[in-house]
Amino acid sequence: MIQAIPKPVTFDEFIAWYPEGSGCHYELRSGEIVEMPKPTGKHSRVAGFITVKAGIEIDRLKLPYFIPKECVIKSIRDESGYEPDVIVLDERTIADSPRWEKESIITQGISVRLVVEVVSTNWSDDYALKLEEYEALGISEYWIVDYLGLGGRRFIGNPKRPTLSVYQLVEGEYQVRQFRDNERVESLTFPELNLTASQIFRAGQ
């Protein structure tokens, strides 16, 4: 639902406008404020499951990463800002992101180790819009968790089925590997992660 704002707004105006404690999430798309659909219980369970598993791995291996409760990723291309379902940040480089400490805003891809989007009915945002944004920012790893197999056939194949797409940055461009069923997910951020695609998908059943 696009909010009734009389003119396109800048990213800074969006951040100043953002209502705290409303229970709603918003993103900025090329100057237009968009209210994001409420996540279903299954969607939230999948995101929560990934957060827990990533947190365990960070703790187990004493990795210099952390997972914030929420944050906004600022586009470098236009007046846009995005709230990912899960984000893993690097403690060693987050200080170089000038708006993090006071505003929880990410402005540099080097601060991000992993972004995860769990697919909803607006699946094209994850496979097209956000993929291009995260690639342009230089975010090294991006997961699209399509636990219901909602994405277009050009993205997840035919017949459509639950698919986890792992995009990793190679010479400035994303290369994708896809995992299904009992295939072990391979991640550069968490190379020892012992987790299959089906384990993640089952969290949403």
N, C-alpha and C. Protein backbone atom coordinates (compact mmCIF):
# COMPACT_ATOMS: atom_id res chain seq x y z
N MET A 1 0.85 -1.19 0.00
CA MET A 1 0.00 0.00 0.00
C MET A 1 0.88 1.24 0.00
N ILE A 2 0.79 2.07 -1.03
CA ILE A 2 1.58 3.28 -1.12
C ILE A 2 0.90 4.38 -0.32
N GLN A 3 1.65 4.98 0.56
CA GLN A 3 1.09 6.03 1.41
C GLN A 3 0.79 7.31 0.61
N ALA A 4 -0.19 8.05 1.04
CA ALA A 4 -0.60 9.27 0.34
C ALA A 4 0.34 10.41 0.70
N ILE A 5 1.48 10.44 0.08
CA ILE A 5 2.45 11.52 0.28
C ILE A 5 2.38 12.42 -0.96
N PRO A 6 2.26 13.72 -0.80
CA PRO A 6 1.98 14.59 -1.95
C PRO A 6 3.11 14.71 -2.95
N LYS A 7 4.32 14.35 -2.57
CA LYS A 7 5.44 14.46 -3.50
C LYS A 7 6.44 13.36 -3.18
N PRO A 8 7.31 13.03 -4.14
CA PRO A 8 8.37 12.08 -3.80
C PRO A 8 9.20 12.61 -2.63
N VAL A 9 9.60 11.71 -1.77
CA VAL A 9 10.37 12.11 -0.59
C VAL A 9 11.80 11.61 -0.72
N THR A 10 12.71 12.29 -0.07
CA THR A 10 14.10 11.86 -0.05
C THR A 10 14.27 10.76 1.01
N PHE A 11 15.40 10.11 0.96
CA PHE A 11 15.68 9.08 1.96
C PHE A 11 15.68 9.68 3.36
N ASP A 12 16.29 10.83 3.53
CA ASP A 12 16.34 11.46 4.84
C ASP A 12 14.95 11.85 5.33
N GLU A 13 14.08 12.33 4.44
CA GLU A 13 12.70 12.64 4.82
C GLU A 13 11.96 11.37 5.24
N PHE A 14 12.23 10.29 4.55
CA PHE A 14 11.62 9.00 4.89
C PHE A 14 12.02 8.56 6.29
N ILE A 15 13.29 8.66 6.60
CA ILE A 15 13.77 8.25 7.93
C ILE A 15 13.16 9.14 9.01
N ALA A 16 13.08 10.43 8.75
CA ALA A 16 12.48 11.35 9.73
C ALA A 16 10.99 11.07 9.91
N TRP A 17 10.33 10.66 8.84
CA TRP A 17 8.88 10.38 8.87
C TRP A 17 8.56 9.05 9.53
N TYR A 18 9.46 8.08 9.45
CA TYR A 18 9.17 6.70 9.82
C TYR A 18 8.58 6.62 11.23
N PRO A 19 7.34 6.14 11.35
CA PRO A 19 6.70 6.10 12.67
C PRO A 19 7.24 4.96 13.54
N GLU A 20 7.66 5.29 14.72
CA GLU A 20 8.19 4.28 15.64
C GLU A 20 7.03 3.63 16.40
N GLY A 21 7.16 2.33 16.61
CA GLY A 21 6.17 1.62 17.42
C GLY A 21 4.82 1.44 16.75
N SER A 22 4.75 1.61 15.44
CA SER A 22 3.46 1.48 14.75
C SER A 22 3.08 0.03 14.49
N GLY A 23 4.06 -0.86 14.55
CA GLY A 23 3.79 -2.26 14.23
C GLY A 23 3.82 -2.54 12.74
N CYS A 24 4.01 -1.51 11.92
CA CYS A 24 4.08 -1.65 10.47
C CYS A 24 5.50 -1.41 10.00
N HIS A 25 5.84 -2.03 8.87
CA HIS A 25 7.14 -1.80 8.27
C HIS A 25 6.95 -1.10 6.93
N TYR A 26 7.89 -0.22 6.62
CA TYR A 26 7.80 0.55 5.39
C TYR A 26 9.14 0.50 4.66
N GLU A 27 9.07 0.64 3.36
CA GLU A 27 10.27 0.81 2.55
C GLU A 27 10.06 2.01 1.64
N LEU A 28 11.18 2.53 1.15
CA LEU A 28 11.12 3.67 0.23
C LEU A 28 11.54 3.18 -1.15
N ARG A 29 10.67 3.41 -2.12
CA ARG A 29 10.94 2.96 -3.49
C ARG A 29 10.96 4.17 -4.42
N SER A 30 12.13 4.60 -4.80
CA SER A 30 12.28 5.73 -5.72
C SER A 30 11.45 6.93 -5.29
N GLY A 31 11.51 7.24 -4.00
CA GLY A 31 10.83 8.42 -3.47
C GLY A 31 9.41 8.19 -3.01
N GLU A 32 8.88 6.97 -3.14
CA GLU A 32 7.53 6.66 -2.69
C GLU A 32 7.58 5.73 -1.49
N ILE A 33 6.83 6.07 -0.45
CA ILE A 33 6.78 5.25 0.75
C ILE A 33 5.79 4.11 0.54
N VAL A 34 6.25 2.88 0.78
CA VAL A 34 5.44 1.69 0.56
C VAL A 34 5.29 0.95 1.89
N GLU A 35 4.04 0.69 2.29
CA GLU A 35 3.80 -0.13 3.47
C GLU A 35 3.94 -1.59 3.08
N MET A 36 4.79 -2.31 3.77
CA MET A 36 5.06 -3.69 3.43
C MET A 36 3.95 -4.60 3.97
N PRO A 37 3.60 -5.65 3.23
CA PRO A 37 2.58 -6.57 3.72
C PRO A 37 3.00 -7.20 5.05
N LYS A 38 2.04 -7.40 5.91
CA LYS A 38 2.32 -8.08 7.17
C LYS A 38 2.83 -9.50 6.88
N PRO A 39 3.95 -9.90 7.45
CA PRO A 39 4.42 -11.26 7.20
C PRO A 39 3.49 -12.29 7.84
N THR A 40 3.32 -13.40 7.15
CA THR A 40 2.54 -14.49 7.74
C THR A 40 3.34 -15.14 8.86
N GLY A 41 2.66 -15.94 9.65
CA GLY A 41 3.36 -16.66 10.71
C GLY A 41 4.44 -17.56 10.17
N LYS A 42 4.17 -18.22 9.04
CA LYS A 42 5.17 -19.12 8.45
C LYS A 42 6.38 -18.35 7.95
N HIS A 43 6.13 -17.22 7.33
CA HIS A 43 7.22 -16.35 6.86
C HIS A 43 8.11 -15.96 8.03
N SER A 44 7.50 -15.54 9.13
CA SER A 44 8.26 -15.14 10.31
C SER A 44 9.04 -16.30 10.92
N ARG A 45 8.45 -17.50 10.88
CA ARG A 45 9.14 -18.67 11.42
C ARG A 45 10.39 -19.00 10.61
N VAL A 46 10.29 -18.89 9.28
CA VAL A 46 11.45 -19.18 8.43
C VAL A 46 12.56 -18.17 8.71
N ALA A 47 12.21 -16.88 8.75
CA ALA A 47 13.21 -15.85 9.03
C ALA A 47 13.81 -16.05 10.42
N GLY A 48 12.98 -16.38 11.40
CA GLY A 48 13.47 -16.61 12.75
C GLY A 48 14.38 -17.82 12.84
N PHE A 49 14.04 -18.88 12.11
CA PHE A 49 14.86 -20.10 12.09
C PHE A 49 16.24 -19.79 11.54
N ILE A 50 16.31 -19.04 10.45
CA ILE A 50 17.60 -18.70 9.86
C ILE A 50 18.40 -17.82 10.82
N THR A 51 17.73 -16.88 11.48
CA THR A 51 18.40 -16.01 12.44
C THR A 51 19.03 -16.83 13.57
N VAL A 52 18.28 -17.80 14.08
CA VAL A 52 18.79 -18.63 15.17
C VAL A 52 19.99 -19.45 14.71
N LYS A 53 19.88 -20.09 13.56
CA LYS A 53 20.97 -20.93 13.06
C LYS A 53 22.23 -20.10 12.77
N ALA A 54 22.05 -18.92 12.20
CA ALA A 54 23.19 -18.05 11.95
C ALA A 54 23.82 -17.57 13.27
N GLY A 55 22.97 -17.25 14.23
CA GLY A 55 23.47 -16.81 15.53
C GLY A 55 24.26 -17.89 16.24
N ILE A 56 23.80 -19.13 16.15
CA ILE A 56 24.53 -20.26 16.75
C ILE A 56 25.90 -20.40 16.12
N GLU A 57 25.94 -20.25 14.79
CA GLU A 57 27.22 -20.39 14.08
C GLU A 57 28.17 -19.25 14.44
N ILE A 58 27.65 -18.04 14.56
CA ILE A 58 28.48 -16.91 14.98
C ILE A 58 29.08 -17.16 16.35
N ASP A 59 28.25 -17.65 17.27
CA ASP A 59 28.72 -17.92 18.63
C ASP A 59 29.69 -19.09 18.67
N ARG A 60 29.38 -20.14 17.95
CA ARG A 60 30.20 -21.36 17.97
C ARG A 60 31.61 -21.10 17.46
N LEU A 61 31.72 -20.33 16.39
CA LEU A 61 33.01 -20.09 15.76
C LEU A 61 33.65 -18.76 16.18
N LYS A 62 32.97 -18.06 17.12
CA LYS A 62 33.47 -16.76 17.60
C LYS A 62 33.72 -15.81 16.40
N LEU A 63 32.77 -15.77 15.49
CA LEU A 63 32.90 -14.91 14.31
C LEU A 63 32.60 -13.46 14.69
N PRO A 64 33.27 -12.51 14.04
CA PRO A 64 33.07 -11.09 14.39
C PRO A 64 31.84 -10.49 13.69
N TYR A 65 30.72 -11.19 13.81
CA TYR A 65 29.48 -10.77 13.16
C TYR A 65 28.39 -10.59 14.22
N PHE A 66 27.33 -9.88 13.84
CA PHE A 66 26.16 -9.80 14.70
C PHE A 66 24.93 -9.60 13.83
N ILE A 67 23.76 -9.90 14.41
CA ILE A 67 22.49 -9.82 13.71
C ILE A 67 21.61 -8.79 14.41
N PRO A 68 21.41 -7.63 13.82
CA PRO A 68 20.57 -6.61 14.48
C PRO A 68 19.10 -6.98 14.39
N LYS A 69 18.31 -6.43 15.30
CA LYS A 69 16.87 -6.67 15.28
C LYS A 69 16.25 -6.09 14.02
N GLU A 70 16.71 -4.92 13.63
CA GLU A 70 16.20 -4.29 12.41
C GLU A 70 17.19 -3.24 11.94
N CYS A 71 17.12 -2.91 10.67
CA CYS A 71 17.92 -1.84 10.11
C CYS A 71 17.38 -1.51 8.73
N VAL A 72 17.86 -0.42 8.16
CA VAL A 72 17.46 -0.01 6.82
C VAL A 72 18.71 0.05 5.95
N ILE A 73 18.63 -0.55 4.77
CA ILE A 73 19.72 -0.49 3.80
C ILE A 73 19.41 0.64 2.83
N LYS A 74 20.31 1.60 2.73
CA LYS A 74 20.11 2.75 1.84
C LYS A 74 20.64 2.43 0.45
N SER A 75 19.81 2.68 -0.56
CA SER A 75 20.22 2.49 -1.94
C SER A 75 21.31 3.49 -2.31
N ILE A 76 22.22 3.07 -3.20
CA ILE A 76 23.20 4.01 -3.74
C ILE A 76 22.77 4.51 -5.11
N ARG A 77 21.61 4.02 -5.59
CA ARG A 77 21.17 4.37 -6.95
C ARG A 77 20.12 5.47 -6.98
N ASP A 78 19.23 5.47 -5.98
CA ASP A 78 18.18 6.50 -5.97
C ASP A 78 17.65 6.64 -4.54
N GLU A 79 16.52 7.33 -4.40
CA GLU A 79 15.96 7.56 -3.07
C GLU A 79 15.13 6.33 -2.65
N SER A 80 15.84 5.30 -2.24
CA SER A 80 15.19 4.06 -1.82
C SER A 80 15.86 3.53 -0.57
N GLY A 81 15.10 2.75 0.21
CA GLY A 81 15.62 2.12 1.41
C GLY A 81 14.85 0.84 1.69
N TYR A 82 15.55 -0.19 2.16
CA TYR A 82 14.96 -1.52 2.30
C TYR A 82 15.22 -2.10 3.69
N GLU A 83 14.24 -2.84 4.20
CA GLU A 83 14.38 -3.55 5.47
C GLU A 83 14.42 -5.05 5.19
N PRO A 84 15.58 -5.67 5.26
CA PRO A 84 15.67 -7.11 4.96
C PRO A 84 15.07 -7.95 6.07
N ASP A 85 14.72 -9.19 5.73
CA ASP A 85 14.19 -10.11 6.73
C ASP A 85 15.26 -10.52 7.74
N VAL A 86 16.47 -10.76 7.26
CA VAL A 86 17.61 -11.10 8.13
C VAL A 86 18.84 -10.43 7.54
N ILE A 87 19.66 -9.87 8.41
CA ILE A 87 20.92 -9.29 7.94
C ILE A 87 22.01 -9.61 8.95
N VAL A 88 23.17 -9.99 8.44
CA VAL A 88 24.34 -10.29 9.28
C VAL A 88 25.38 -9.21 8.98
N LEU A 89 25.78 -8.49 10.04
CA LEU A 89 26.71 -7.38 9.88
C LEU A 89 28.09 -7.74 10.44
N ASP A 90 29.10 -7.06 9.93
CA ASP A 90 30.49 -7.31 10.31
C ASP A 90 30.93 -6.27 11.32
N GLU A 91 31.27 -6.71 12.52
CA GLU A 91 31.70 -5.79 13.57
C GLU A 91 32.95 -5.01 13.19
N ARG A 92 33.78 -5.59 12.31
CA ARG A 92 35.06 -4.96 11.97
C ARG A 92 34.90 -3.77 11.02
N THR A 93 33.82 -3.75 10.27
CA THR A 93 33.65 -2.70 9.26
C THR A 93 32.43 -1.81 9.49
N ILE A 94 31.59 -2.17 10.46
CA ILE A 94 30.36 -1.41 10.67
C ILE A 94 30.67 0.03 11.09
N ALA A 95 31.80 0.26 11.74
CA ALA A 95 32.16 1.62 12.16
C ALA A 95 32.37 2.54 10.96
N ASP A 96 32.66 1.95 9.80
CA ASP A 96 32.86 2.74 8.59
C ASP A 96 31.54 3.15 7.94
N SER A 97 30.43 2.64 8.46
CA SER A 97 29.11 3.03 7.94
C SER A 97 28.63 4.19 8.80
N PRO A 98 28.71 5.43 8.31
CA PRO A 98 28.57 6.61 9.16
C PRO A 98 27.20 6.78 9.82
N ARG A 99 26.15 6.14 9.30
CA ARG A 99 24.82 6.35 9.85
C ARG A 99 24.34 5.18 10.71
N TRP A 100 25.23 4.21 10.93
CA TRP A 100 24.80 3.05 11.68
C TRP A 100 24.56 3.36 13.16
N GLU A 101 25.51 4.00 13.79
CA GLU A 101 25.48 4.14 15.25
C GLU A 101 24.23 4.86 15.74
N LYS A 102 23.82 5.91 15.06
CA LYS A 102 22.69 6.71 15.52
C LYS A 102 21.37 6.33 14.88
N GLU A 103 21.41 5.72 13.68
CA GLU A 103 20.16 5.52 12.93
C GLU A 103 19.91 4.10 12.46
N SER A 104 20.83 3.17 12.72
CA SER A 104 20.70 1.79 12.23
C SER A 104 20.51 1.75 10.71
N ILE A 105 21.26 2.60 10.01
CA ILE A 105 21.19 2.67 8.56
C ILE A 105 22.50 2.13 7.97
N ILE A 106 22.37 1.25 6.98
CA ILE A 106 23.53 0.69 6.29
C ILE A 106 23.71 1.44 4.97
N THR A 107 24.89 2.00 4.76
CA THR A 107 25.16 2.76 3.54
C THR A 107 26.25 2.12 2.70
N GLN A 108 26.94 1.12 3.24
CA GLN A 108 28.06 0.50 2.52
C GLN A 108 27.96 -1.02 2.57
N GLY A 109 28.08 -1.64 1.41
CA GLY A 109 27.97 -3.09 1.34
C GLY A 109 29.03 -3.82 2.12
N ILE A 110 30.18 -3.17 2.33
CA ILE A 110 31.27 -3.82 3.06
C ILE A 110 30.89 -4.12 4.51
N SER A 111 29.87 -3.43 5.01
CA SER A 111 29.41 -3.66 6.39
C SER A 111 28.58 -4.93 6.51
N VAL A 112 28.16 -5.50 5.39
CA VAL A 112 27.19 -6.60 5.38
C VAL A 112 27.86 -7.89 4.95
N ARG A 113 27.69 -8.93 5.76
CA ARG A 113 28.19 -10.25 5.38
C ARG A 113 27.14 -11.07 4.64
N LEU A 114 25.87 -10.89 5.03
CA LEU A 114 24.80 -11.69 4.43
C LEU A 114 23.48 -10.96 4.59
N VAL A 115 22.68 -10.97 3.51
CA VAL A 115 21.30 -10.50 3.55
C VAL A 115 20.40 -11.66 3.15
N VAL A 116 19.29 -11.82 3.86
CA VAL A 116 18.32 -12.87 3.55
C VAL A 116 16.95 -12.24 3.35
N GLU A 117 16.30 -12.59 2.24
CA GLU A 117 14.91 -12.22 2.01
C GLU A 117 14.09 -13.50 1.89
N VAL A 118 13.03 -13.57 2.67
CA VAL A 118 12.10 -14.71 2.61
C VAL A 118 10.96 -14.30 1.69
N VAL A 119 10.72 -15.09 0.66
CA VAL A 119 9.80 -14.71 -0.41
C VAL A 119 8.36 -14.70 0.07
N SER A 120 7.64 -13.63 -0.31
CA SER A 120 6.20 -13.51 -0.09
C SER A 120 5.52 -13.37 -1.45
N THR A 121 4.28 -12.94 -1.44
CA THR A 121 3.55 -12.81 -2.70
C THR A 121 4.18 -11.77 -3.62
N ASN A 122 4.89 -10.79 -3.05
CA ASN A 122 5.58 -9.80 -3.88
C ASN A 122 6.99 -10.29 -4.22
N TRP A 123 7.05 -11.51 -4.76
CA TRP A 123 8.33 -12.19 -4.98
C TRP A 123 9.24 -11.46 -5.97
N SER A 124 8.67 -10.69 -6.90
CA SER A 124 9.50 -10.03 -7.90
C SER A 124 10.44 -9.01 -7.25
N ASP A 125 10.04 -8.45 -6.11
CA ASP A 125 10.92 -7.52 -5.40
C ASP A 125 12.24 -8.19 -5.03
N ASP A 126 12.16 -9.44 -4.55
CA ASP A 126 13.34 -10.14 -4.08
C ASP A 126 14.23 -10.59 -5.23
N TYR A 127 13.62 -11.11 -6.30
CA TYR A 127 14.38 -11.66 -7.41
C TYR A 127 14.90 -10.61 -8.39
N ALA A 128 14.31 -9.43 -8.42
CA ALA A 128 14.72 -8.41 -9.38
C ALA A 128 15.21 -7.15 -8.69
N LEU A 129 14.29 -6.41 -8.09
CA LEU A 129 14.62 -5.11 -7.51
C LEU A 129 15.71 -5.20 -6.46
N LYS A 130 15.50 -6.02 -5.43
CA LYS A 130 16.46 -6.06 -4.33
C LYS A 130 17.75 -6.73 -4.74
N LEU A 131 17.66 -7.70 -5.62
CA LEU A 131 18.89 -8.35 -6.09
C LEU A 131 19.80 -7.32 -6.76
N GLU A 132 19.22 -6.48 -7.61
CA GLU A 132 20.02 -5.46 -8.28
C GLU A 132 20.58 -4.44 -7.28
N GLU A 133 19.76 -4.08 -6.30
CA GLU A 133 20.21 -3.11 -5.30
C GLU A 133 21.37 -3.67 -4.48
N TYR A 134 21.23 -4.90 -4.00
CA TYR A 134 22.26 -5.48 -3.15
C TYR A 134 23.55 -5.73 -3.93
N GLU A 135 23.40 -6.10 -5.20
CA GLU A 135 24.57 -6.27 -6.05
C GLU A 135 25.29 -4.94 -6.24
N ALA A 136 24.53 -3.87 -6.52
CA ALA A 136 25.13 -2.55 -6.72
C ALA A 136 25.85 -2.06 -5.47
N LEU A 137 25.32 -2.39 -4.29
CA LEU A 137 25.95 -2.00 -3.03
C LEU A 137 27.22 -2.80 -2.74
N GLY A 138 27.38 -3.93 -3.40
CA GLY A 138 28.54 -4.77 -3.15
C GLY A 138 28.38 -5.69 -1.95
N ILE A 139 27.12 -6.07 -1.65
CA ILE A 139 26.87 -7.03 -0.55
C ILE A 139 27.30 -8.41 -1.03
N SER A 140 28.19 -9.04 -0.27
CA SER A 140 28.90 -10.22 -0.77
C SER A 140 28.02 -11.46 -0.91
N GLU A 141 26.95 -11.57 -0.11
CA GLU A 141 26.12 -12.78 -0.17
C GLU A 141 24.66 -12.43 0.10
N TYR A 142 23.78 -13.00 -0.73
CA TYR A 142 22.35 -12.71 -0.66
C TYR A 142 21.58 -14.00 -0.86
N TRP A 143 20.75 -14.33 0.13
CA TRP A 143 19.89 -15.52 0.02
C TRP A 143 18.46 -15.10 -0.30
N ILE A 144 17.84 -15.80 -1.24
CA ILE A 144 16.41 -15.69 -1.47
C ILE A 144 15.79 -17.02 -1.08
N VAL A 145 15.01 -17.01 -0.01
CA VAL A 145 14.43 -18.24 0.53
C VAL A 145 12.98 -18.33 0.06
N ASP A 146 12.78 -19.11 -0.99
CA ASP A 146 11.46 -19.26 -1.61
C ASP A 146 10.86 -20.58 -1.13
N TYR A 147 10.42 -20.59 0.12
CA TYR A 147 10.01 -21.85 0.75
C TYR A 147 8.68 -22.38 0.23
N LEU A 148 7.93 -21.55 -0.47
CA LEU A 148 6.67 -22.00 -1.07
C LEU A 148 6.76 -22.16 -2.59
N GLY A 149 7.91 -21.86 -3.16
CA GLY A 149 8.05 -21.96 -4.60
C GLY A 149 7.18 -20.98 -5.35
N LEU A 150 7.18 -19.71 -4.92
CA LEU A 150 6.31 -18.70 -5.50
C LEU A 150 6.94 -17.96 -6.68
N GLY A 151 8.24 -17.95 -6.77
CA GLY A 151 8.94 -17.14 -7.76
C GLY A 151 8.64 -17.55 -9.19
N GLY A 152 8.95 -16.67 -10.12
CA GLY A 152 8.73 -16.96 -11.53
C GLY A 152 9.58 -18.13 -12.00
N ARG A 153 9.08 -18.82 -13.02
CA ARG A 153 9.79 -19.99 -13.53
C ARG A 153 11.18 -19.65 -14.05
N ARG A 154 11.37 -18.43 -14.53
CA ARG A 154 12.70 -18.04 -15.02
C ARG A 154 13.71 -17.94 -13.89
N PHE A 155 13.21 -17.87 -12.65
CA PHE A 155 14.10 -17.80 -11.50
C PHE A 155 14.29 -19.15 -10.81
N ILE A 156 13.22 -19.95 -10.69
CA ILE A 156 13.33 -21.20 -9.93
C ILE A 156 13.03 -22.45 -10.75
N GLY A 157 12.79 -22.28 -12.06
CA GLY A 157 12.60 -23.44 -12.92
C GLY A 157 11.16 -23.90 -13.03
N ASN A 158 10.98 -24.91 -13.86
CA ASN A 158 9.66 -25.47 -14.13
C ASN A 158 9.75 -26.99 -14.06
N PRO A 159 8.96 -27.64 -13.21
CA PRO A 159 7.90 -27.07 -12.37
C PRO A 159 8.48 -26.28 -11.19
N LYS A 160 7.69 -25.34 -10.71
CA LYS A 160 8.13 -24.53 -9.60
C LYS A 160 8.10 -25.35 -8.31
N ARG A 161 9.14 -25.20 -7.51
CA ARG A 161 9.18 -25.89 -6.21
C ARG A 161 10.05 -25.09 -5.25
N PRO A 162 9.94 -25.38 -3.96
CA PRO A 162 10.73 -24.62 -2.99
C PRO A 162 12.22 -24.60 -3.36
N THR A 163 12.78 -23.41 -3.32
CA THR A 163 14.16 -23.21 -3.78
C THR A 163 14.84 -22.16 -2.91
N LEU A 164 16.08 -22.44 -2.52
CA LEU A 164 16.90 -21.45 -1.85
C LEU A 164 18.00 -21.03 -2.82
N SER A 165 17.97 -19.77 -3.23
CA SER A 165 18.95 -19.23 -4.16
C SER A 165 20.01 -18.46 -3.38
N VAL A 166 21.26 -18.87 -3.53
CA VAL A 166 22.37 -18.20 -2.85
C VAL A 166 23.18 -17.44 -3.90
N TYR A 167 23.12 -16.12 -3.81
CA TYR A 167 23.86 -15.26 -4.72
C TYR A 167 25.14 -14.79 -4.03
N GLN A 168 26.26 -14.98 -4.71
CA GLN A 168 27.54 -14.55 -4.16
C GLN A 168 28.25 -13.66 -5.16
N LEU A 169 28.88 -12.61 -4.65
CA LEU A 169 29.49 -11.59 -5.49
C LEU A 169 30.83 -12.09 -6.04
N VAL A 170 30.94 -12.11 -7.36
CA VAL A 170 32.18 -12.51 -8.03
C VAL A 170 32.52 -11.41 -9.03
N GLU A 171 33.63 -10.71 -8.77
CA GLU A 171 34.07 -9.61 -9.62
C GLU A 171 32.94 -8.61 -9.88
N GLY A 172 32.23 -8.29 -8.81
CA GLY A 172 31.21 -7.25 -8.87
C GLY A 172 29.85 -7.68 -9.38
N GLU A 173 29.69 -8.98 -9.71
CA GLU A 173 28.41 -9.48 -10.20
C GLU A 173 28.00 -10.71 -9.41
N TYR A 174 26.69 -10.85 -9.19
CA TYR A 174 26.19 -12.02 -8.47
C TYR A 174 26.20 -13.26 -9.36
N GLN A 175 26.71 -14.34 -8.78
CA GLN A 175 26.60 -15.67 -9.36
C GLN A 175 25.70 -16.48 -8.42
N VAL A 176 24.80 -17.28 -8.98
CA VAL A 176 23.81 -17.96 -8.16
C VAL A 176 24.01 -19.48 -8.15
N ARG A 177 23.80 -20.05 -6.97
CA ARG A 177 23.66 -21.50 -6.82
C ARG A 177 22.34 -21.74 -6.11
N GLN A 178 21.65 -22.79 -6.52
CA GLN A 178 20.33 -23.06 -5.95
C GLN A 178 20.32 -24.40 -5.23
N PHE A 179 19.58 -24.43 -4.11
CA PHE A 179 19.54 -25.62 -3.26
C PHE A 179 18.09 -26.01 -3.01
N ARG A 180 17.84 -27.32 -3.07
CA ARG A 180 16.49 -27.84 -2.87
C ARG A 180 16.59 -29.13 -2.06
N ASP A 181 15.45 -29.54 -1.54
CA ASP A 181 15.33 -30.84 -0.85
C ASP A 181 16.42 -30.97 0.23
N ASN A 182 17.16 -32.08 0.20
CA ASN A 182 18.13 -32.35 1.26
C ASN A 182 19.55 -31.90 0.90
N GLU A 183 19.66 -30.99 -0.07
CA GLU A 183 20.98 -30.47 -0.42
C GLU A 183 21.47 -29.53 0.68
N ARG A 184 22.73 -29.69 1.04
CA ARG A 184 23.33 -28.83 2.06
C ARG A 184 23.60 -27.45 1.48
N VAL A 185 23.16 -26.43 2.20
CA VAL A 185 23.35 -25.05 1.75
C VAL A 185 24.82 -24.67 1.90
N GLU A 186 25.41 -24.14 0.84
CA GLU A 186 26.81 -23.72 0.85
C GLU A 186 26.88 -22.20 0.92
N SER A 187 27.54 -21.71 1.95
CA SER A 187 27.61 -20.29 2.21
C SER A 187 29.04 -19.85 2.45
N LEU A 188 29.45 -18.75 1.82
CA LEU A 188 30.78 -18.20 2.09
C LEU A 188 30.85 -17.56 3.46
N THR A 189 29.72 -17.00 3.91
CA THR A 189 29.68 -16.35 5.22
C THR A 189 29.80 -17.37 6.34
N PHE A 190 29.13 -18.52 6.15
CA PHE A 190 29.15 -19.59 7.15
C PHE A 190 29.57 -20.89 6.49
N PRO A 191 30.86 -21.05 6.20
CA PRO A 191 31.32 -22.21 5.43
C PRO A 191 31.13 -23.55 6.12
N GLU A 192 30.97 -23.55 7.45
CA GLU A 192 30.77 -24.81 8.17
C GLU A 192 29.31 -25.06 8.52
N LEU A 193 28.41 -24.24 7.98
CA LEU A 193 27.00 -24.38 8.28
C LEU A 193 26.48 -25.74 7.85
N ASN A 194 25.90 -26.46 8.79
CA ASN A 194 25.37 -27.80 8.51
C ASN A 194 23.85 -27.71 8.46
N LEU A 195 23.33 -27.29 7.32
CA LEU A 195 21.91 -27.01 7.19
C LEU A 195 21.48 -27.33 5.76
N THR A 196 20.37 -28.03 5.64
CA THR A 196 19.87 -28.35 4.31
C THR A 196 18.73 -27.41 3.94
N ALA A 197 18.45 -27.35 2.65
CA ALA A 197 17.34 -26.51 2.19
C ALA A 197 16.03 -26.98 2.80
N SER A 198 15.82 -28.28 2.86
CA SER A 198 14.54 -28.78 3.38
C SER A 198 14.35 -28.46 4.86
N GLN A 199 15.43 -28.41 5.64
CA GLN A 199 15.32 -28.02 7.04
C GLN A 199 14.81 -26.59 7.16
N ILE A 200 15.29 -25.71 6.30
CA ILE A 200 14.83 -24.32 6.30
C ILE A 200 13.37 -24.26 5.86
N PHE A 201 13.03 -24.96 4.80
CA PHE A 201 11.66 -24.93 4.29
C PHE A 201 10.66 -25.48 5.29
N ARG A 202 11.08 -26.51 6.03
CA ARG A 202 10.15 -27.13 7.01
C ARG A 202 9.76 -26.15 8.11
N ALA A 203 10.59 -25.15 8.36
CA ALA A 203 10.25 -24.15 9.38
C ALA A 203 8.99 -23.39 8.98
N GLY A 204 8.67 -23.38 7.68
CA GLY A 204 7.49 -22.67 7.21
C GLY A 204 6.28 -23.57 6.96
N GLN A 205 6.36 -24.80 7.43
CA GLN A 205 5.23 -25.72 7.22
C GLN A 205 4.34 -25.79 8.44
